[in-house]
Amino acid sequence: MTASSFTILLLADRPELASKWAELHWREWGDEPGREQLSWWVDVDSQAVQRTRAPLAVIAVGPDDEVLGGVGLAEFDLEARQDRSPWVVGTIVRPHRRNQGIGHALMASLEAWAASIGIDHAWVATGDPAVAFYQQCGWEPVEQLMTPWGELSTILTKHLSST
């Protein structure tokens, strides 16, 4: 999928960009306990180069191979909810490129890809203000829970279809 200023593709198509996607994650969430080192994010994100199973990722690439954003699909996200799978994880868009349709394009692409490989249902856990973003993308809230680190997390779900 190509827009005027970015292209959406599987990370598997450009695995050399995994470290750039990891740097986005690290800048956004690198203060979380156990995730302070950029190397942790590079290790995790470098695994998301699958095409037909989790972990996989979809990224938005701009001019000069700048990774503008990405979204992953993982087998599990929350320790307390391993009865559900797969999970959308790591959704992020560079701050200066937010509200330009990149996040919605990433989600639409991930959902279409997941449906095309036989995934008919997915989950995501997030805090405010991202809940509204997922609802705009058609996700439905089903539960709220307190995370082990003391933050309220909303779990949303969506039935995916290949149509």
C-alpha atoms as a PDB file:
ATOM      1  CA  MET A   1       0.000   0.000   0.000  1.00  0.00           C
ATOM      2  CA  THR A   2       1.437   3.356  -0.984  1.00  0.00           C
ATOM      3  CA  ALA A   3       0.304   6.774   0.157  1.00  0.00           C
ATOM      4  CA  SER A   4       1.669  10.113  -0.949  1.00  0.00           C
ATOM      5  CA  SER A   5       4.504  10.064   1.571  1.00  0.00           C
ATOM      6  CA  PHE A   6       4.863   6.497   2.822  1.00  0.00           C
ATOM      7  CA  THR A   7       4.707   2.837   1.863  1.00  0.00           C
ATOM      8  CA  ILE A   8       3.262   0.070   4.035  1.00  0.00           C
ATOM      9  CA  LEU A   9       5.063  -3.275   3.890  1.00  0.00           C
ATOM     10  CA  LEU A  10       5.866  -6.357   5.920  1.00  0.00           C
ATOM     11  CA  LEU A  11       9.021  -6.083   7.991  1.00  0.00           C
ATOM     12  CA  ALA A  12       9.886  -9.452   6.425  1.00  0.00           C
ATOM     13  CA  ASP A  13      10.270  -7.601   3.111  1.00  0.00           C
ATOM     14  CA  ARG A  14      12.865  -5.236   4.621  1.00  0.00           C
ATOM     15  CA  PRO A  15      14.349  -6.981   7.696  1.00  0.00           C
ATOM     16  CA  GLU A  16      17.291  -4.579   7.696  1.00  0.00           C
ATOM     17  CA  LEU A  17      14.846  -1.910   8.939  1.00  0.00           C
ATOM     18  CA  ALA A  18      14.073  -3.812  12.178  1.00  0.00           C
ATOM     19  CA  SER A  19      16.596  -1.750  14.146  1.00  0.00           C
ATOM     20  CA  LYS A  20      14.955   1.495  13.007  1.00  0.00           C
ATOM     21  CA  TRP A  21      11.551   0.186  14.121  1.00  0.00           C
ATOM     22  CA  ALA A  22      13.122  -0.907  17.413  1.00  0.00           C
ATOM     23  CA  GLU A  23      14.513   2.576  17.972  1.00  0.00           C
ATOM     24  CA  LEU A  24      10.980   4.008  17.719  1.00  0.00           C
ATOM     25  CA  HIS A  25       9.819   1.563  20.388  1.00  0.00           C
ATOM     26  CA  TRP A  26      12.780   2.327  22.618  1.00  0.00           C
ATOM     27  CA  ARG A  27      12.201   6.091  22.393  1.00  0.00           C
ATOM     28  CA  GLU A  28       8.516   5.625  23.300  1.00  0.00           C
ATOM     29  CA  TRP A  29       8.685   2.831  25.890  1.00  0.00           C
ATOM     30  CA  GLY A  30      12.377   2.495  26.811  1.00  0.00           C
ATOM     31  CA  ASP A  31      11.717   3.539  30.384  1.00  0.00           C
ATOM     32  CA  GLU A  32       9.694   0.394  31.144  1.00  0.00           C
ATOM     33  CA  PRO A  33      11.407  -1.944  33.635  1.00  0.00           C
ATOM     34  CA  GLY A  34      13.538  -4.519  31.831  1.00  0.00           C
ATOM     35  CA  ARG A  35      13.253  -2.658  28.521  1.00  0.00           C
ATOM     36  CA  GLU A  36      15.609   0.261  29.105  1.00  0.00           C
ATOM     37  CA  GLN A  37      18.270  -0.867  26.631  1.00  0.00           C
ATOM     38  CA  LEU A  38      17.909  -0.307  22.880  1.00  0.00           C
ATOM     39  CA  SER A  39      19.450  -3.755  22.373  1.00  0.00           C
ATOM     40  CA  TRP A  40      16.415  -5.363  24.081  1.00  0.00           C
ATOM     41  CA  TRP A  41      14.098  -3.731  21.535  1.00  0.00           C
ATOM     42  CA  VAL A  42      16.344  -4.659  18.601  1.00  0.00           C
ATOM     43  CA  ASP A  43      16.377  -8.314  19.732  1.00  0.00           C
ATOM     44  CA  VAL A  44      12.575  -8.423  20.050  1.00  0.00           C
ATOM     45  CA  ASP A  45      11.750  -6.492  16.881  1.00  0.00           C
ATOM     46  CA  SER A  46      14.265  -8.431  14.786  1.00  0.00           C
ATOM     47  CA  GLN A  47      12.178 -11.562  15.408  1.00  0.00           C
ATOM     48  CA  ALA A  48       9.068 -10.019  13.797  1.00  0.00           C
ATOM     49  CA  VAL A  49      10.136 -10.918  10.267  1.00  0.00           C
ATOM     50  CA  GLN A  50       7.696 -13.781   9.767  1.00  0.00           C
ATOM     51  CA  ARG A  51       5.194 -13.836   6.912  1.00  0.00           C
ATOM     52  CA  THR A  52       2.618 -16.397   7.987  1.00  0.00           C
ATOM     53  CA  ARG A  53       2.722 -16.499  11.781  1.00  0.00           C
ATOM     54  CA  ALA A  54       3.485 -14.358  14.805  1.00  0.00           C
ATOM     55  CA  PRO A  55       5.675 -12.591  15.471  1.00  0.00           C
ATOM     56  CA  LEU A  56       5.293 -10.460  12.411  1.00  0.00           C
ATOM     57  CA  ALA A  57       5.224  -6.743  11.785  1.00  0.00           C
ATOM     58  CA  VAL A  58       3.981  -4.214   9.279  1.00  0.00           C
ATOM     59  CA  ILE A  59       5.928  -0.977   8.939  1.00  0.00           C
ATOM     60  CA  ALA A  60       5.426   2.385   7.268  1.00  0.00           C
ATOM     61  CA  VAL A  61       8.469   3.557   5.358  1.00  0.00           C
ATOM     62  CA  GLY A  62       9.007   7.095   4.151  1.00  0.00           C
ATOM     63  CA  PRO A  63      11.626   8.730   1.973  1.00  0.00           C
ATOM     64  CA  ASP A  64      15.221   7.635   2.523  1.00  0.00           C
ATOM     65  CA  ASP A  65      14.041   4.457   4.298  1.00  0.00           C
ATOM     66  CA  GLU A  66      12.852   6.361   7.361  1.00  0.00           C
ATOM     67  CA  VAL A  67      10.645   4.045   9.423  1.00  0.00           C
ATOM     68  CA  LEU A  68       7.653   6.241  10.199  1.00  0.00           C
ATOM     69  CA  GLY A  69       5.767   3.671  12.238  1.00  0.00           C
ATOM     70  CA  GLY A  70       4.862   0.067  12.666  1.00  0.00           C
ATOM     71  CA  VAL A  71       2.609  -2.467  14.296  1.00  0.00           C
ATOM     72  CA  GLY A  72       3.307  -6.022  15.350  1.00  0.00           C
ATOM     73  CA  LEU A  73       1.370  -9.217  15.828  1.00  0.00           C
ATOM     74  CA  ALA A  74       2.501 -11.473  18.681  1.00  0.00           C
ATOM     75  CA  GLU A  75       1.269 -14.741  20.087  1.00  0.00           C
ATOM     76  CA  PHE A  76       0.802 -13.221  23.568  1.00  0.00           C
ATOM     77  CA  ASP A  77       0.969  -9.803  25.179  1.00  0.00           C
ATOM     78  CA  LEU A  78      -0.427  -9.957  28.696  1.00  0.00           C
ATOM     79  CA  GLU A  79       0.690 -12.656  31.107  1.00  0.00           C
ATOM     80  CA  ALA A  80      -2.805 -12.690  32.620  1.00  0.00           C
ATOM     81  CA  ARG A  81      -4.520 -13.262  29.258  1.00  0.00           C
ATOM     82  CA  GLN A  82      -2.655 -16.100  27.567  1.00  0.00           C
ATOM     83  CA  ASP A  83      -5.990 -17.738  26.783  1.00  0.00           C
ATOM     84  CA  ARG A  84      -6.327 -15.322  23.837  1.00  0.00           C
ATOM     85  CA  SER A  85      -4.169 -15.024  20.772  1.00  0.00           C
ATOM     86  CA  PRO A  86      -2.831 -13.324  18.701  1.00  0.00           C
ATOM     87  CA  TRP A  87      -2.235  -9.817  20.040  1.00  0.00           C
ATOM     88  CA  VAL A  88      -1.515  -6.550  18.292  1.00  0.00           C
ATOM     89  CA  VAL A  89       1.616  -5.079  19.893  1.00  0.00           C
ATOM     90  CA  GLY A  90       3.974  -2.156  19.541  1.00  0.00           C
ATOM     91  CA  THR A  91       1.753   0.139  17.494  1.00  0.00           C
ATOM     92  CA  ILE A  92       3.659   3.366  17.027  1.00  0.00           C
ATOM     93  CA  VAL A  93       3.996   6.294  14.645  1.00  0.00           C
ATOM     94  CA  ARG A  94       6.737   8.922  14.863  1.00  0.00           C
ATOM     95  CA  PRO A  95       5.365  11.872  16.862  1.00  0.00           C
ATOM     96  CA  HIS A  96       5.831  14.371  14.024  1.00  0.00           C
ATOM     97  CA  ARG A  97       3.917  12.081  11.621  1.00  0.00           C
ATOM     98  CA  ARG A  98       0.906  11.316  13.812  1.00  0.00           C
ATOM     99  CA  ASN A  99      -2.602  12.260  12.654  1.00  0.00           C
ATOM    100  CA  GLN A 100      -1.619  11.802   9.005  1.00  0.00           C
ATOM    101  CA  GLY A 101      -3.333   8.438   8.438  1.00  0.00           C
ATOM    102  CA  ILE A 102      -0.248   6.296   8.964  1.00  0.00           C
ATOM    103  CA  GLY A 103      -1.594   4.500  12.052  1.00  0.00           C
ATOM    104  CA  HIS A 104      -4.890   3.692  10.350  1.00  0.00           C
ATOM    105  CA  ALA A 105      -3.062   2.467   7.242  1.00  0.00           C
ATOM    106  CA  LEU A 106      -0.825   0.253   9.383  1.00  0.00           C
ATOM    107  CA  MET A 107      -3.795  -1.265  11.207  1.00  0.00           C
ATOM    108  CA  ALA A 108      -5.758  -1.856   7.990  1.00  0.00           C
ATOM    109  CA  SER A 109      -2.753  -3.555   6.424  1.00  0.00           C
ATOM    110  CA  LEU A 110      -2.052  -5.722   9.482  1.00  0.00           C
ATOM    111  CA  GLU A 111      -5.703  -6.739   9.750  1.00  0.00           C
ATOM    112  CA  ALA A 112      -5.889  -7.625   6.039  1.00  0.00           C
ATOM    113  CA  TRP A 113      -2.646  -9.592   6.219  1.00  0.00           C
ATOM    114  CA  ALA A 114      -3.748 -11.447   9.357  1.00  0.00           C
ATOM    115  CA  ALA A 115      -7.072 -12.356   7.733  1.00  0.00           C
ATOM    116  CA  SER A 116      -5.271 -13.533   4.587  1.00  0.00           C
ATOM    117  CA  ILE A 117      -3.225 -16.038   6.615  1.00  0.00           C
ATOM    118  CA  GLY A 118      -6.279 -17.394   8.407  1.00  0.00           C
ATOM    119  CA  ILE A 119      -6.405 -15.301  11.572  1.00  0.00           C
ATOM    120  CA  ASP A 120     -10.033 -14.384  12.179  1.00  0.00           C
ATOM    121  CA  HIS A 121      -9.828 -12.733  15.590  1.00  0.00           C
ATOM    122  CA  ALA A 122      -7.225 -10.585  17.362  1.00  0.00           C
ATOM    123  CA  TRP A 123      -6.754  -8.723  20.630  1.00  0.00           C
ATOM    124  CA  VAL A 124      -4.987  -5.577  21.779  1.00  0.00           C
ATOM    125  CA  ALA A 125      -4.281  -4.161  25.249  1.00  0.00           C
ATOM    126  CA  THR A 126      -3.679  -0.452  25.607  1.00  0.00           C
ATOM    127  CA  GLY A 127      -4.075   2.574  27.818  1.00  0.00           C
ATOM    128  CA  ASP A 128      -5.533   5.981  27.122  1.00  0.00           C
ATOM    129  CA  PRO A 129      -5.475   7.781  24.713  1.00  0.00           C
ATOM    130  CA  ALA A 130      -4.844   4.882  22.305  1.00  0.00           C
ATOM    131  CA  VAL A 131      -8.204   3.266  23.142  1.00  0.00           C
ATOM    132  CA  ALA A 132      -9.957   5.846  20.952  1.00  0.00           C
ATOM    133  CA  PHE A 133      -7.572   5.117  18.067  1.00  0.00           C
ATOM    134  CA  TYR A 134      -8.381   1.405  18.130  1.00  0.00           C
ATOM    135  CA  GLN A 135     -12.106   2.116  18.383  1.00  0.00           C
ATOM    136  CA  GLN A 136     -11.808   4.317  15.281  1.00  0.00           C
ATOM    137  CA  CYS A 137     -10.258   1.293  13.583  1.00  0.00           C
ATOM    138  CA  GLY A 138     -13.282  -0.842  14.505  1.00  0.00           C
ATOM    139  CA  TRP A 139     -11.983  -2.549  17.631  1.00  0.00           C
ATOM    140  CA  GLU A 140     -14.411  -3.182  20.510  1.00  0.00           C
ATOM    141  CA  PRO A 141     -13.488  -2.841  24.193  1.00  0.00           C
ATOM    142  CA  VAL A 142     -14.229  -6.004  26.152  1.00  0.00           C
ATOM    143  CA  GLU A 143     -12.417  -5.643  29.465  1.00  0.00           C
ATOM    144  CA  GLN A 144     -10.293  -3.418  31.656  1.00  0.00           C
ATOM    145  CA  LEU A 145      -7.617  -4.666  33.997  1.00  0.00           C
ATOM    146  CA  MET A 146      -4.856  -3.300  36.162  1.00  0.00           C
ATOM    147  CA  THR A 147      -1.413  -4.206  34.879  1.00  0.00           C
ATOM    148  CA  PRO A 148       1.300  -5.484  37.246  1.00  0.00           C
ATOM    149  CA  TRP A 149       2.978  -2.053  36.959  1.00  0.00           C
ATOM    150  CA  GLY A 150      -0.186  -0.283  38.154  1.00  0.00           C
ATOM    151  CA  GLU A 151      -1.662   1.095  34.933  1.00  0.00           C
ATOM    152  CA  LEU A 152      -5.217   0.593  33.761  1.00  0.00           C
ATOM    153  CA  SER A 153      -5.256  -1.312  30.477  1.00  0.00           C
ATOM    154  CA  THR A 154      -8.217  -1.704  28.156  1.00  0.00           C
ATOM    155  CA  ILE A 155      -8.472  -4.923  26.169  1.00  0.00           C
ATOM    156  CA  LEU A 156     -10.110  -4.589  22.777  1.00  0.00           C
ATOM    157  CA  THR A 157     -10.895  -7.213  20.166  1.00  0.00           C
ATOM    158  CA  LYS A 158     -11.831  -7.388  16.516  1.00  0.00           C
ATOM    159  CA  HIS A 159     -13.105 -10.104  14.225  1.00  0.00           C
ATOM    160  CA  LEU A 160     -11.065  -9.999  11.049  1.00  0.00           C
ATOM    161  CA  SER A 161     -12.300 -11.027   7.640  1.00  0.00           C
ATOM    162  CA  SER A 162     -10.576 -11.568   4.336  1.00  0.00           C
ATOM    163  CA  THR A 163     -13.212  -9.572   2.443  1.00  0.00           C
END
